[in-house]
């Protein structure tokens, strides 16, 4: 099997989108898209980023399709880490949304203040 097919299998197994995988591995969305489309030669820096995020991933399986997906029985632990990371991302996004709401509220107050000054 090719790396692009292995990556598709991995994303499905982990239950993450290409975008989530890119974010979790610090790869660009374009790099992940190119790998899956078969337009990207997988370089050592890309492999390093994937292994940093998924240290139990069996690189032999990733490159050849031979063997188990994970190097230990702790593969499920890695999936749990993905879920934990996803939860953290959602929490961070929720905080960001609240922060943006505060900024919008302040902006609206400034606009109302300016409108009041114009009417005078």
PDB file of N, CA and C in Angstrom:
ATOM      1  N   UNK A   1       0.841  -1.191   0.000  1.00  0.00           N
ATOM      2  CA  UNK A   1       0.000   0.000   0.000  1.00  0.00           C
ATOM      3  C   UNK A   1       0.879   1.245   0.000  1.00  0.00           C
ATOM      4  N   UNK A   2       0.308   2.326  -0.457  1.00  0.00           N
ATOM      5  CA  UNK A   2       1.047   3.577  -0.486  1.00  0.00           C
ATOM      6  C   UNK A   2       0.750   4.404   0.764  1.00  0.00           C
ATOM      7  N   UNK A   3       1.641   5.348   1.027  1.00  0.00           N
ATOM      8  CA  UNK A   3       1.511   6.197   2.213  1.00  0.00           C
ATOM      9  C   UNK A   3       0.186   6.949   2.207  1.00  0.00           C
ATOM     10  N   UNK A   4      -0.272   7.388   1.035  1.00  0.00           N
ATOM     11  CA  UNK A   4      -1.526   8.143   1.005  1.00  0.00           C
ATOM     12  C   UNK A   4      -2.694   7.275   1.475  1.00  0.00           C
ATOM     13  N   UNK A   5      -2.708   6.006   1.080  1.00  0.00           N
ATOM     14  CA  UNK A   5      -3.781   5.108   1.532  1.00  0.00           C
ATOM     15  C   UNK A   5      -3.638   4.823   3.023  1.00  0.00           C
ATOM     16  N   UNK A   6      -2.405   4.668   3.482  1.00  0.00           N
ATOM     17  CA  UNK A   6      -2.178   4.421   4.907  1.00  0.00           C
ATOM     18  C   UNK A   6      -2.648   5.607   5.737  1.00  0.00           C
ATOM     19  N   UNK A   7      -2.397   6.816   5.247  1.00  0.00           N
ATOM     20  CA  UNK A   7      -2.828   8.002   5.977  1.00  0.00           C
ATOM     21  C   UNK A   7      -4.354   8.075   6.021  1.00  0.00           C
ATOM     22  N   UNK A   8      -5.006   7.728   4.941  1.00  0.00           N
ATOM     23  CA  UNK A   8      -6.474   7.701   4.937  1.00  0.00           C
ATOM     24  C   UNK A   8      -6.990   6.709   5.983  1.00  0.00           C
ATOM     25  N   UNK A   9      -6.371   5.529   6.042  1.00  0.00           N
ATOM     26  CA  UNK A   9      -6.762   4.515   7.034  1.00  0.00           C
ATOM     27  C   UNK A   9      -6.534   5.045   8.441  1.00  0.00           C
ATOM     28  N   UNK A  10      -5.385   5.679   8.654  1.00  0.00           N
ATOM     29  CA  UNK A  10      -5.054   6.220   9.972  1.00  0.00           C
ATOM     30  C   UNK A  10      -6.070   7.274  10.403  1.00  0.00           C
ATOM     31  N   UNK A  11      -6.417   8.194   9.514  1.00  0.00           N
ATOM     32  CA  UNK A  11      -7.382   9.238   9.856  1.00  0.00           C
ATOM     33  C   UNK A  11      -8.729   8.621  10.222  1.00  0.00           C
ATOM     34  N   UNK A  12      -9.134   7.617   9.462  1.00  0.00           N
ATOM     35  CA  UNK A  12     -10.399   6.952   9.755  1.00  0.00           C
ATOM     36  C   UNK A  12     -10.337   6.252  11.112  1.00  0.00           C
ATOM     37  N   UNK A  13      -9.237   5.563  11.364  1.00  0.00           N
ATOM     38  CA  UNK A  13      -9.076   4.854  12.637  1.00  0.00           C
ATOM     39  C   UNK A  13      -9.087   5.816  13.822  1.00  0.00           C
ATOM     40  N   UNK A  14      -8.432   6.952  13.659  1.00  0.00           N
ATOM     41  CA  UNK A  14      -8.376   7.940  14.732  1.00  0.00           C
ATOM     42  C   UNK A  14      -9.661   8.750  14.841  1.00  0.00           C
ATOM     43  N   UNK A  15     -10.444   8.747  13.776  1.00  0.00           N
ATOM     44  CA  UNK A  15     -11.683   9.514  13.783  1.00  0.00           C
ATOM     45  C   UNK A  15     -11.454  11.005  13.698  1.00  0.00           C
ATOM     46  N   UNK A  16     -10.425  11.398  12.936  1.00  0.00           N
ATOM     47  CA  UNK A  16     -10.117  12.820  12.787  1.00  0.00           C
ATOM     48  C   UNK A  16     -10.154  13.202  11.313  1.00  0.00           C
ATOM     49  N   UNK A  17     -10.432  14.457  11.059  1.00  0.00           N
ATOM     50  CA  UNK A  17     -10.427  14.972   9.690  1.00  0.00           C
ATOM     51  C   UNK A  17      -8.995  15.296   9.279  1.00  0.00           C
ATOM     52  N   UNK A  18      -8.806  15.569   7.994  1.00  0.00           N
ATOM     53  CA  UNK A  18      -7.487  15.983   7.513  1.00  0.00           C
ATOM     54  C   UNK A  18      -7.033  17.249   8.219  1.00  0.00           C
ATOM     55  N   UNK A  19      -7.968  18.169   8.401  1.00  0.00           N
ATOM     56  CA  UNK A  19      -7.648  19.440   9.062  1.00  0.00           C
ATOM     57  C   UNK A  19      -7.221  19.211  10.515  1.00  0.00           C
ATOM     58  N   UNK A  20      -7.957  18.362  11.226  1.00  0.00           N
ATOM     59  CA  UNK A  20      -7.603  18.065  12.624  1.00  0.00           C
ATOM     60  C   UNK A  20      -6.244  17.385  12.698  1.00  0.00           C
ATOM     61  N   UNK A  21      -5.996  16.441  11.798  1.00  0.00           N
ATOM     62  CA  UNK A  21      -4.706  15.757  11.771  1.00  0.00           C
ATOM     63  C   UNK A  21      -3.586  16.758  11.515  1.00  0.00           C
ATOM     64  N   UNK A  22      -3.803  17.660  10.568  1.00  0.00           N
ATOM     65  CA  UNK A  22      -2.796  18.683  10.262  1.00  0.00           C
ATOM     66  C   UNK A  22      -2.501  19.528  11.494  1.00  0.00           C
ATOM     67  N   UNK A  23      -3.557  19.940  12.175  1.00  0.00           N
ATOM     68  CA  UNK A  23      -3.380  20.773  13.365  1.00  0.00           C
ATOM     69  C   UNK A  23      -2.636  20.000  14.457  1.00  0.00           C
ATOM     70  N   UNK A  24      -3.020  18.748  14.671  1.00  0.00           N
ATOM     71  CA  UNK A  24      -2.408  17.949  15.736  1.00  0.00           C
ATOM     72  C   UNK A  24      -0.946  17.618  15.461  1.00  0.00           C
ATOM     73  N   UNK A  25      -0.569  17.532  14.201  1.00  0.00           N
ATOM     74  CA  UNK A  25       0.803  17.174  13.853  1.00  0.00           C
ATOM     75  C   UNK A  25       1.648  18.381  13.453  1.00  0.00           C
ATOM     76  N   UNK A  26       1.068  19.556  13.502  1.00  0.00           N
ATOM     77  CA  UNK A  26       1.745  20.802  13.102  1.00  0.00           C
ATOM     78  C   UNK A  26       2.164  20.778  11.634  1.00  0.00           C
ATOM     79  N   UNK A  27       1.404  20.053  10.826  1.00  0.00           N
ATOM     80  CA  UNK A  27       1.612  20.074   9.381  1.00  0.00           C
ATOM     81  C   UNK A  27       0.599  21.042   8.780  1.00  0.00           C
ATOM     82  N   UNK A  28       0.893  21.527   7.597  1.00  0.00           N
ATOM     83  CA  UNK A  28      -0.080  22.395   6.944  1.00  0.00           C
ATOM     84  C   UNK A  28      -1.201  21.536   6.363  1.00  0.00           C
ATOM     85  N   UNK A  29      -2.371  22.134   6.220  1.00  0.00           N
ATOM     86  CA  UNK A  29      -3.483  21.439   5.578  1.00  0.00           C
ATOM     87  C   UNK A  29      -3.086  20.992   4.178  1.00  0.00           C
ATOM     88  N   UNK A  30      -2.344  21.845   3.478  1.00  0.00           N
ATOM     89  CA  UNK A  30      -1.920  21.537   2.115  1.00  0.00           C
ATOM     90  C   UNK A  30      -1.010  20.315   2.084  1.00  0.00           C
ATOM     91  N   UNK A  31      -0.104  20.200   3.047  1.00  0.00           N
ATOM     92  CA  UNK A  31       0.789  19.044   3.101  1.00  0.00           C
ATOM     93  C   UNK A  31      -0.005  17.759   3.280  1.00  0.00           C
ATOM     94  N   UNK A  32      -0.953  17.760   4.213  1.00  0.00           N
ATOM     95  CA  UNK A  32      -1.779  16.580   4.441  1.00  0.00           C
ATOM     96  C   UNK A  32      -2.602  16.261   3.197  1.00  0.00           C
ATOM     97  N   UNK A  33      -3.190  17.284   2.585  1.00  0.00           N
ATOM     98  CA  UNK A  33      -3.951  17.080   1.348  1.00  0.00           C
ATOM     99  C   UNK A  33      -3.073  16.475   0.254  1.00  0.00           C
ATOM    100  N   UNK A  34      -1.848  16.986   0.128  1.00  0.00           N
ATOM    101  CA  UNK A  34      -0.937  16.483  -0.899  1.00  0.00           C
ATOM    102  C   UNK A  34      -0.535  15.034  -0.644  1.00  0.00           C
ATOM    103  N   UNK A  35      -0.310  14.671   0.610  1.00  0.00           N
ATOM    104  CA  UNK A  35       0.046  13.285   0.929  1.00  0.00           C
ATOM    105  C   UNK A  35      -1.101  12.366   0.529  1.00  0.00           C
ATOM    106  N   UNK A  36      -2.315  12.730   0.924  1.00  0.00           N
ATOM    107  CA  UNK A  36      -3.473  11.883   0.627  1.00  0.00           C
ATOM    108  C   UNK A  36      -3.732  11.801  -0.884  1.00  0.00           C
ATOM    109  N   UNK A  37      -3.466  12.881  -1.590  1.00  0.00           N
ATOM    110  CA  UNK A  37      -3.668  12.888  -3.039  1.00  0.00           C
ATOM    111  C   UNK A  37      -2.528  12.187  -3.775  1.00  0.00           C
ATOM    112  N   UNK A  38      -1.487  11.787  -3.037  1.00  0.00           N
ATOM    113  CA  UNK A  38      -0.360  11.107  -3.665  1.00  0.00           C
ATOM    114  C   UNK A  38       0.592  12.049  -4.376  1.00  0.00           C
ATOM    115  N   UNK A  39       0.518  13.341  -4.066  1.00  0.00           N
ATOM    116  CA  UNK A  39       1.371  14.341  -4.717  1.00  0.00           C
ATOM    117  C   UNK A  39       2.538  14.767  -3.848  1.00  0.00           C
ATOM    118  N   UNK A  40       2.788  14.071  -2.769  1.00  0.00           N
ATOM    119  CA  UNK A  40       3.800  14.538  -1.833  1.00  0.00           C
ATOM    120  C   UNK A  40       4.727  13.397  -1.452  1.00  0.00           C
ATOM    121  N   UNK A  41       6.010  13.634  -1.591  1.00  0.00           N
ATOM    122  CA  UNK A  41       6.989  12.675  -1.112  1.00  0.00           C
ATOM    123  C   UNK A  41       7.156  12.939   0.380  1.00  0.00           C
ATOM    124  N   UNK A  42       6.946  11.912   1.175  1.00  0.00           N
ATOM    125  CA  UNK A  42       6.993  12.087   2.621  1.00  0.00           C
ATOM    126  C   UNK A  42       8.446  12.267   3.058  1.00  0.00           C
ATOM    127  N   UNK A  43       8.740  13.421   3.613  1.00  0.00           N
ATOM    128  CA  UNK A  43      10.101  13.764   4.031  1.00  0.00           C
ATOM    129  C   UNK A  43      10.279  13.501   5.521  1.00  0.00           C
ATOM    130  N   UNK A  44      11.515  13.494   5.962  1.00  0.00           N
ATOM    131  CA  UNK A  44      11.823  13.155   7.356  1.00  0.00           C
ATOM    132  C   UNK A  44      11.190  14.129   8.340  1.00  0.00           C
ATOM    133  N   UNK A  45      11.097  15.412   7.998  1.00  0.00           N
ATOM    134  CA  UNK A  45      10.494  16.364   8.934  1.00  0.00           C
ATOM    135  C   UNK A  45       9.003  16.097   9.106  1.00  0.00           C
ATOM    136  N   UNK A  46       8.360  15.613   8.049  1.00  0.00           N
ATOM    137  CA  UNK A  46       6.933  15.278   8.142  1.00  0.00           C
ATOM    138  C   UNK A  46       6.760  14.050   9.026  1.00  0.00           C
ATOM    139  N   UNK A  47       7.598  13.046   8.812  1.00  0.00           N
ATOM    140  CA  UNK A  47       7.544  11.822   9.626  1.00  0.00           C
ATOM    141  C   UNK A  47       7.803  12.150  11.084  1.00  0.00           C
ATOM    142  N   UNK A  48       8.751  13.025  11.336  1.00  0.00           N
ATOM    143  CA  UNK A  48       9.065  13.423  12.713  1.00  0.00           C
ATOM    144  C   UNK A  48       7.851  14.060  13.390  1.00  0.00           C
ATOM    145  N   UNK A  49       7.142  14.911  12.683  1.00  0.00           N
ATOM    146  CA  UNK A  49       5.959  15.558  13.256  1.00  0.00           C
ATOM    147  C   UNK A  49       4.858  14.552  13.544  1.00  0.00           C
ATOM    148  N   UNK A  50       4.673  13.588  12.635  1.00  0.00           N
ATOM    149  CA  UNK A  50       3.655  12.566  12.853  1.00  0.00           C
ATOM    150  C   UNK A  50       4.030  11.703  14.047  1.00  0.00           C
ATOM    151  N   UNK A  51       5.301  11.294  14.125  1.00  0.00           N
ATOM    152  CA  UNK A  51       5.741  10.447  15.242  1.00  0.00           C
ATOM    153  C   UNK A  51       5.730  11.186  16.573  1.00  0.00           C
ATOM    154  N   UNK A  52       5.979  12.480  16.542  1.00  0.00           N
ATOM    155  CA  UNK A  52       5.918  13.261  17.782  1.00  0.00           C
ATOM    156  C   UNK A  52       4.511  13.228  18.345  1.00  0.00           C
ATOM    157  N   UNK A  53       3.527  13.352  17.467  1.00  0.00           N
ATOM    158  CA  UNK A  53       2.129  13.344  17.917  1.00  0.00           C
ATOM    159  C   UNK A  53       1.617  11.940  18.191  1.00  0.00           C
ATOM    160  N   UNK A  54       2.074  10.965  17.410  1.00  0.00           N
ATOM    161  CA  UNK A  54       1.622   9.581  17.543  1.00  0.00           C
ATOM    162  C   UNK A  54       2.831   8.662  17.705  1.00  0.00           C
ATOM    163  N   UNK A  55       3.469   8.693  18.880  1.00  0.00           N
ATOM    164  CA  UNK A  55       4.701   7.917  19.066  1.00  0.00           C
ATOM    165  C   UNK A  55       4.498   6.402  18.960  1.00  0.00           C
ATOM    166  N   UNK A  56       3.283   5.912  19.133  1.00  0.00           N
ATOM    167  CA  UNK A  56       3.023   4.477  19.040  1.00  0.00           C
ATOM    168  C   UNK A  56       2.679   4.031  17.623  1.00  0.00           C
ATOM    169  N   UNK A  57       2.699   4.946  16.656  1.00  0.00           N
ATOM    170  CA  UNK A  57       2.389   4.582  15.281  1.00  0.00           C
ATOM    171  C   UNK A  57       3.543   3.750  14.718  1.00  0.00           C
ATOM    172  N   UNK A  58       3.211   2.627  14.124  1.00  0.00           N
ATOM    173  CA  UNK A  58       4.199   1.736  13.536  1.00  0.00           C
ATOM    174  C   UNK A  58       4.553   2.267  12.143  1.00  0.00           C
ATOM    175  N   UNK A  59       5.745   2.828  12.003  1.00  0.00           N
ATOM    176  CA  UNK A  59       6.156   3.427  10.735  1.00  0.00           C
ATOM    177  C   UNK A  59       6.309   2.366   9.652  1.00  0.00           C
ATOM    178  N   UNK A  60       6.661   1.137  10.031  1.00  0.00           N
ATOM    179  CA  UNK A  60       6.722   0.072   9.031  1.00  0.00           C
ATOM    180  C   UNK A  60       5.336  -0.118   8.403  1.00  0.00           C
ATOM    181  N   UNK A  61       4.304  -0.171   9.239  1.00  0.00           N
ATOM    182  CA  UNK A  61       2.941  -0.280   8.711  1.00  0.00           C
ATOM    183  C   UNK A  61       2.600   0.947   7.868  1.00  0.00           C
ATOM    184  N   UNK A  62       2.975   2.132   8.366  1.00  0.00           N
ATOM    185  CA  UNK A  62       2.631   3.371   7.680  1.00  0.00           C
ATOM    186  C   UNK A  62       3.192   3.394   6.256  1.00  0.00           C
ATOM    187  N   UNK A  63       4.427   2.898   6.085  1.00  0.00           N
ATOM    188  CA  UNK A  63       5.056   2.937   4.766  1.00  0.00           C
ATOM    189  C   UNK A  63       4.754   1.726   3.891  1.00  0.00           C
ATOM    190  N   UNK A  64       4.503   0.580   4.521  1.00  0.00           N
ATOM    191  CA  UNK A  64       4.354  -0.643   3.722  1.00  0.00           C
ATOM    192  C   UNK A  64       2.983  -1.294   3.831  1.00  0.00           C
ATOM    193  N   UNK A  65       2.250  -0.983   4.881  1.00  0.00           N
ATOM    194  CA  UNK A  65       0.972  -1.645   5.103  1.00  0.00           C
ATOM    195  C   UNK A  65       1.133  -2.995   5.778  1.00  0.00           C
ATOM    196  N   UNK A  66       2.360  -3.332   6.147  1.00  0.00           N
ATOM    197  CA  UNK A  66       2.647  -4.629   6.765  1.00  0.00           C
ATOM    198  C   UNK A  66       2.751  -4.471   8.275  1.00  0.00           C
ATOM    199  N   UNK A  67       2.090  -5.374   8.988  1.00  0.00           N
ATOM    200  CA  UNK A  67       2.164  -5.366  10.443  1.00  0.00           C
ATOM    201  C   UNK A  67       0.998  -4.637  11.084  1.00  0.00           C
ATOM    202  N   UNK A  68       1.133  -4.427  12.373  1.00  0.00           N
ATOM    203  CA  UNK A  68       0.113  -3.750  13.161  1.00  0.00           C
ATOM    204  C   UNK A  68       0.236  -2.234  12.977  1.00  0.00           C
ATOM    205  N   UNK A  69      -0.857  -1.550  13.181  1.00  0.00           N
ATOM    206  CA  UNK A  69      -0.851  -0.090  13.047  1.00  0.00           C
ATOM    207  C   UNK A  69      -0.047   0.578  14.159  1.00  0.00           C
ATOM    208  N   UNK A  70      -0.057  -0.039  15.330  1.00  0.00           N
ATOM    209  CA  UNK A  70       0.576   0.564  16.503  1.00  0.00           C
ATOM    210  C   UNK A  70       1.699  -0.337  16.998  1.00  0.00           C
ATOM    211  N   UNK A  71       2.742   0.263  17.573  1.00  0.00           N
ATOM    212  CA  UNK A  71       3.905  -0.500  18.017  1.00  0.00           C
ATOM    213  C   UNK A  71       3.700  -1.148  19.377  1.00  0.00           C
ATOM    214  N   UNK A  72       2.621  -0.799  20.056  1.00  0.00           N
ATOM    215  CA  UNK A  72       2.360  -1.375  21.373  1.00  0.00           C
ATOM    216  C   UNK A  72       0.874  -1.569  21.560  1.00  0.00           C
ATOM    217  N   UNK A  73       0.538  -2.191  22.640  1.00  0.00           N
ATOM    218  CA  UNK A  73      -0.865  -2.369  22.995  1.00  0.00           C
ATOM    219  C   UNK A  73      -1.497  -1.041  23.383  1.00  0.00           C
ATOM    220  N   UNK A  74      -0.681  -0.004  23.478  1.00  0.00           N
ATOM    221  CA  UNK A  74      -1.162   1.300  23.928  1.00  0.00           C
ATOM    222  C   UNK A  74      -1.706   2.152  22.790  1.00  0.00           C
ATOM    223  N   UNK A  75      -1.972   1.561  21.629  1.00  0.00           N
ATOM    224  CA  UNK A  75      -2.537   2.323  20.532  1.00  0.00           C
ATOM    225  C   UNK A  75      -3.824   3.002  20.940  1.00  0.00           C
ATOM    226  N   UNK A  76      -4.623   2.313  21.755  1.00  0.00           N
ATOM    227  CA  UNK A  76      -5.866   2.920  22.230  1.00  0.00           C
ATOM    228  C   UNK A  76      -5.579   4.130  23.103  1.00  0.00           C
ATOM    229  N   UNK A  77      -4.469   4.102  23.805  1.00  0.00           N
ATOM    230  CA  UNK A  77      -4.074   5.262  24.598  1.00  0.00           C
ATOM    231  C   UNK A  77      -3.854   6.453  23.674  1.00  0.00           C
ATOM    232  N   UNK A  78      -3.262   6.215  22.533  1.00  0.00           N
ATOM    233  CA  UNK A  78      -3.033   7.283  21.574  1.00  0.00           C
ATOM    234  C   UNK A  78      -4.359   7.850  21.083  1.00  0.00           C
ATOM    235  N   UNK A  79      -5.315   6.979  20.815  1.00  0.00           N
ATOM    236  CA  UNK A  79      -6.633   7.452  20.400  1.00  0.00           C
ATOM    237  C   UNK A  79      -7.267   8.275  21.519  1.00  0.00           C
ATOM    238  N   UNK A  80      -7.087   7.832  22.766  1.00  0.00           N
ATOM    239  CA  UNK A  80      -7.600   8.607  23.900  1.00  0.00           C
ATOM    240  C   UNK A  80      -6.935   9.984  23.940  1.00  0.00           C
ATOM    241  N   UNK A  81      -5.644  10.032  23.613  1.00  0.00           N
ATOM    242  CA  UNK A  81      -4.945  11.315  23.565  1.00  0.00           C
ATOM    243  C   UNK A  81      -5.548  12.215  22.495  1.00  0.00           C
ATOM    244  N   UNK A  82      -5.917  11.613  21.377  1.00  0.00           N
ATOM    245  CA  UNK A  82      -6.550  12.390  20.310  1.00  0.00           C
ATOM    246  C   UNK A  82      -7.850  12.987  20.816  1.00  0.00           C
ATOM    247  N   UNK A  83      -8.655  12.175  21.489  1.00  0.00           N
ATOM    248  CA  UNK A  83      -9.922  12.669  22.024  1.00  0.00           C
ATOM    249  C   UNK A  83      -9.686  13.776  23.039  1.00  0.00           C
ATOM    250  N   UNK A  84      -8.677  13.591  23.878  1.00  0.00           N
ATOM    251  CA  UNK A  84      -8.343  14.611  24.871  1.00  0.00           C
ATOM    252  C   UNK A  84      -7.904  15.906  24.182  1.00  0.00           C
ATOM    253  N   UNK A  85      -7.098  15.770  23.151  1.00  0.00           N
ATOM    254  CA  UNK A  85      -6.647  16.940  22.405  1.00  0.00           C
ATOM    255  C   UNK A  85      -7.829  17.637  21.747  1.00  0.00           C
ATOM    256  N   UNK A  86      -8.745  16.846  21.182  1.00  0.00           N
ATOM    257  CA  UNK A  86      -9.936  17.423  20.566  1.00  0.00           C
ATOM    258  C   UNK A  86     -10.758  18.202  21.568  1.00  0.00           C
ATOM    259  N   UNK A  87     -10.903  17.646  22.766  1.00  0.00           N
ATOM    260  CA  UNK A  87     -11.638  18.335  23.826  1.00  0.00           C
ATOM    261  C   UNK A  87     -10.948  19.640  24.183  1.00  0.00           C
ATOM    262  N   UNK A  88      -9.617  19.607  24.277  1.00  0.00           N
ATOM    263  CA  UNK A  88      -8.865  20.811  24.604  1.00  0.00           C
ATOM    264  C   UNK A  88      -9.031  21.865  23.508  1.00  0.00           C
ATOM    265  N   UNK A  89      -9.003  21.444  22.269  1.00  0.00           N
ATOM    266  CA  UNK A  89      -9.187  22.371  21.154  1.00  0.00           C
ATOM    267  C   UNK A  89     -10.557  23.028  21.242  1.00  0.00           C
ATOM    268  N   UNK A  90     -11.584  22.230  21.527  1.00  0.00           N
ATOM    269  CA  UNK A  90     -12.937  22.788  21.659  1.00  0.00           C
ATOM    270  C   UNK A  90     -13.010  23.788  22.804  1.00  0.00           C
ATOM    271  N   UNK A  91     -12.358  23.459  23.918  1.00  0.00           N
ATOM    272  CA  UNK A  91     -12.356  24.379  25.062  1.00  0.00           C
ATOM    273  C   UNK A  91     -11.645  25.677  24.685  1.00  0.00           C
ATOM    274  N   UNK A  92     -10.509  25.565  23.992  1.00  0.00           N
ATOM    275  CA  UNK A  92      -9.769  26.754  23.564  1.00  0.00           C
ATOM    276  C   UNK A  92     -10.601  27.595  22.603  1.00  0.00           C
ATOM    277  N   UNK A  93     -11.300  26.928  21.684  1.00  0.00           N
ATOM    278  CA  UNK A  93     -12.142  27.653  20.738  1.00  0.00           C
ATOM    279  C   UNK A  93     -13.293  28.339  21.454  1.00  0.00           C
ATOM    280  N   UNK A  94     -13.841  27.682  22.465  1.00  0.00           N
ATOM    281  CA  UNK A  94     -14.925  28.273  23.238  1.00  0.00           C
ATOM    282  C   UNK A  94     -14.444  29.541  23.945  1.00  0.00           C
ATOM    283  N   UNK A  95     -13.243  29.480  24.514  1.00  0.00           N
ATOM    284  CA  UNK A  95     -12.668  30.669  25.164  1.00  0.00           C
ATOM    285  C   UNK A  95     -12.449  31.780  24.145  1.00  0.00           C
ATOM    286  N   UNK A  96     -11.973  31.412  22.968  1.00  0.00           N
ATOM    287  CA  UNK A  96     -11.741  32.397  21.918  1.00  0.00           C
ATOM    288  C   UNK A  96     -13.053  33.039  21.487  1.00  0.00           C
ATOM    289  N   UNK A  97     -14.110  32.249  21.373  1.00  0.00           N
ATOM    290  CA  UNK A  97     -15.425  32.783  20.998  1.00  0.00           C
ATOM    291  C   UNK A  97     -15.909  33.771  22.048  1.00  0.00           C
ATOM    292  N   UNK A  98     -15.753  33.425  23.320  1.00  0.00           N
ATOM    293  CA  UNK A  98     -16.167  34.343  24.389  1.00  0.00           C
ATOM    294  C   UNK A  98     -15.366  35.637  24.325  1.00  0.00           C
ATOM    295  N   UNK A  99     -14.075  35.519  24.062  1.00  0.00           N
ATOM    296  CA  UNK A  99     -13.221  36.700  23.942  1.00  0.00           C
ATOM    297  C   UNK A  99     -13.687  37.574  22.772  1.00  0.00           C
ATOM    298  N   UNK A 100     -13.995  36.946  21.653  1.00  0.00           N
ATOM    299  CA  UNK A 100     -14.470  37.699  20.487  1.00  0.00           C
ATOM    300  C   UNK A 100     -15.812  38.365  20.764  1.00  0.00           C
ATOM    301  N   UNK A 101     -16.671  37.702  21.512  1.00  0.00           N
ATOM    302  CA  UNK A 101     -17.952  38.306  21.887  1.00  0.00           C
ATOM    303  C   UNK A 101     -17.726  39.567  22.718  1.00  0.00           C
ATOM    304  N   UNK A 102     -16.753  39.517  23.629  1.00  0.00           N
ATOM    305  CA  UNK A 102     -16.432  40.691  24.441  1.00  0.00           C
ATOM    306  C   UNK A 102     -15.919  41.826  23.562  1.00  0.00           C
ATOM    307  N   UNK A 103     -15.090  41.505  22.604  1.00  0.00           N
ATOM    308  CA  UNK A 103     -14.559  42.526  21.694  1.00  0.00           C
ATOM    309  C   UNK A 103     -15.696  43.145  20.891  1.00  0.00           C
ATOM    310  N   UNK A 104     -16.605  42.332  20.408  1.00  0.00           N
ATOM    311  CA  UNK A 104     -17.750  42.841  19.641  1.00  0.00           C
ATOM    312  C   UNK A 104     -18.612  43.739  20.514  1.00  0.00           C
ATOM    313  N   UNK A 105     -18.820  43.328  21.766  1.00  0.00           N
ATOM    314  CA  UNK A 105     -19.617  44.143  22.680  1.00  0.00           C
ATOM    315  C   UNK A 105     -18.956  45.509  22.888  1.00  0.00           C
ATOM    316  N   UNK A 106     -17.646  45.520  23.105  1.00  0.00           N
ATOM    317  CA  UNK A 106     -16.923  46.784  23.277  1.00  0.00           C
ATOM    318  C   UNK A 106     -17.012  47.640  22.014  1.00  0.00           C
ATOM    319  N   UNK A 107     -16.870  46.995  20.871  1.00  0.00           N
ATOM    320  CA  UNK A 107     -16.966  47.706  19.601  1.00  0.00           C
ATOM    321  C   UNK A 107     -18.351  48.337  19.449  1.00  0.00           C
ATOM    322  N   UNK A 108     -19.401  47.576  19.783  1.00  0.00           N
ATOM    323  CA  UNK A 108     -20.769  48.103  19.708  1.00  0.00           C
ATOM    324  C   UNK A 108     -20.953  49.296  20.639  1.00  0.00           C
ATOM    325  N   UNK A 109     -20.369  49.220  21.834  1.00  0.00           N
ATOM    326  CA  UNK A 109     -20.469  50.335  22.789  1.00  0.00           C
ATOM    327  C   UNK A 109     -19.770  51.574  22.240  1.00  0.00           C
ATOM    328  N   UNK A 110     -18.619  51.372  21.606  1.00  0.00           N
ATOM    329  CA  UNK A 110     -17.895  52.506  21.020  1.00  0.00           C
ATOM    330  C   UNK A 110     -18.718  53.125  19.891  1.00  0.00           C
ATOM    331  N   UNK A 111     -19.313  52.282  19.061  1.00  0.00           N
ATOM    332  CA  UNK A 111     -20.149  52.785  17.951  1.00  0.00           C
ATOM    333  C   UNK A 111     -21.333  53.577  18.487  1.00  0.00           C
ATOM    334  N   UNK A 112     -21.972  53.060  19.515  1.00  0.00           N
ATOM    335  CA  UNK A 112     -23.123  53.772  20.105  1.00  0.00           C
ATOM    336  C   UNK A 112     -22.663  55.105  20.691  1.00  0.00           C
ATOM    337  N   UNK A 113     -21.497  55.121  21.329  1.00  0.00           N
ATOM    338  CA  UNK A 113     -20.975  56.360  21.877  1.00  0.00           C
ATOM    339  C   UNK A 113     -20.695  57.381  20.793  1.00  0.00           C
ATOM    340  N   UNK A 114     -20.116  56.908  19.690  1.00  0.00           N
ATOM    341  CA  UNK A 114     -19.845  57.811  18.566  1.00  0.00           C
ATOM    342  C   UNK A 114     -21.118  58.338  17.935  1.00  0.00           C
ATOM    343  N   UNK A 115     -22.122  57.490  17.831  1.00  0.00           N
ATOM    344  CA  UNK A 115     -23.422  57.923  17.287  1.00  0.00           C
ATOM    345  C   UNK A 115     -24.036  59.003  18.184  1.00  0.00           C
ATOM    346  N   UNK A 116     -23.902  58.813  19.493  1.00  0.00           N
ATOM    347  CA  UNK A 116     -24.457  59.791  20.426  1.00  0.00           C
ATOM    348  C   UNK A 116     -23.741  61.131  20.289  1.00  0.00           C
ATOM    349  N   UNK A 117     -22.421  61.102  20.064  1.00  0.00           N
ATOM    350  CA  UNK A 117     -21.665  62.339  19.885  1.00  0.00           C
ATOM    351  C   UNK A 117     -22.048  63.034  18.598  1.00  0.00           C
ATOM    352  N   UNK A 118     -22.317  62.262  17.563  1.00  0.00           N
ATOM    353  CA  UNK A 118     -22.690  62.845  16.275  1.00  0.00           C
ATOM    354  C   UNK A 118     -24.044  63.555  16.388  1.00  0.00           C
ATOM    355  N   UNK A 119     -24.972  62.987  17.162  1.00  0.00           N
ATOM    356  CA  UNK A 119     -26.287  63.583  17.308  1.00  0.00           C
ATOM    357  C   UNK A 119     -26.233  64.905  18.059  1.00  0.00           C
ATOM    358  N   UNK A 120     -25.229  65.137  18.850  1.00  0.00           N
ATOM    359  CA  UNK A 120     -25.126  66.382  19.632  1.00  0.00           C
ATOM    360  C   UNK A 120     -24.758  67.523  18.794  1.00  0.00           C
TER     361      UNK A 120
END
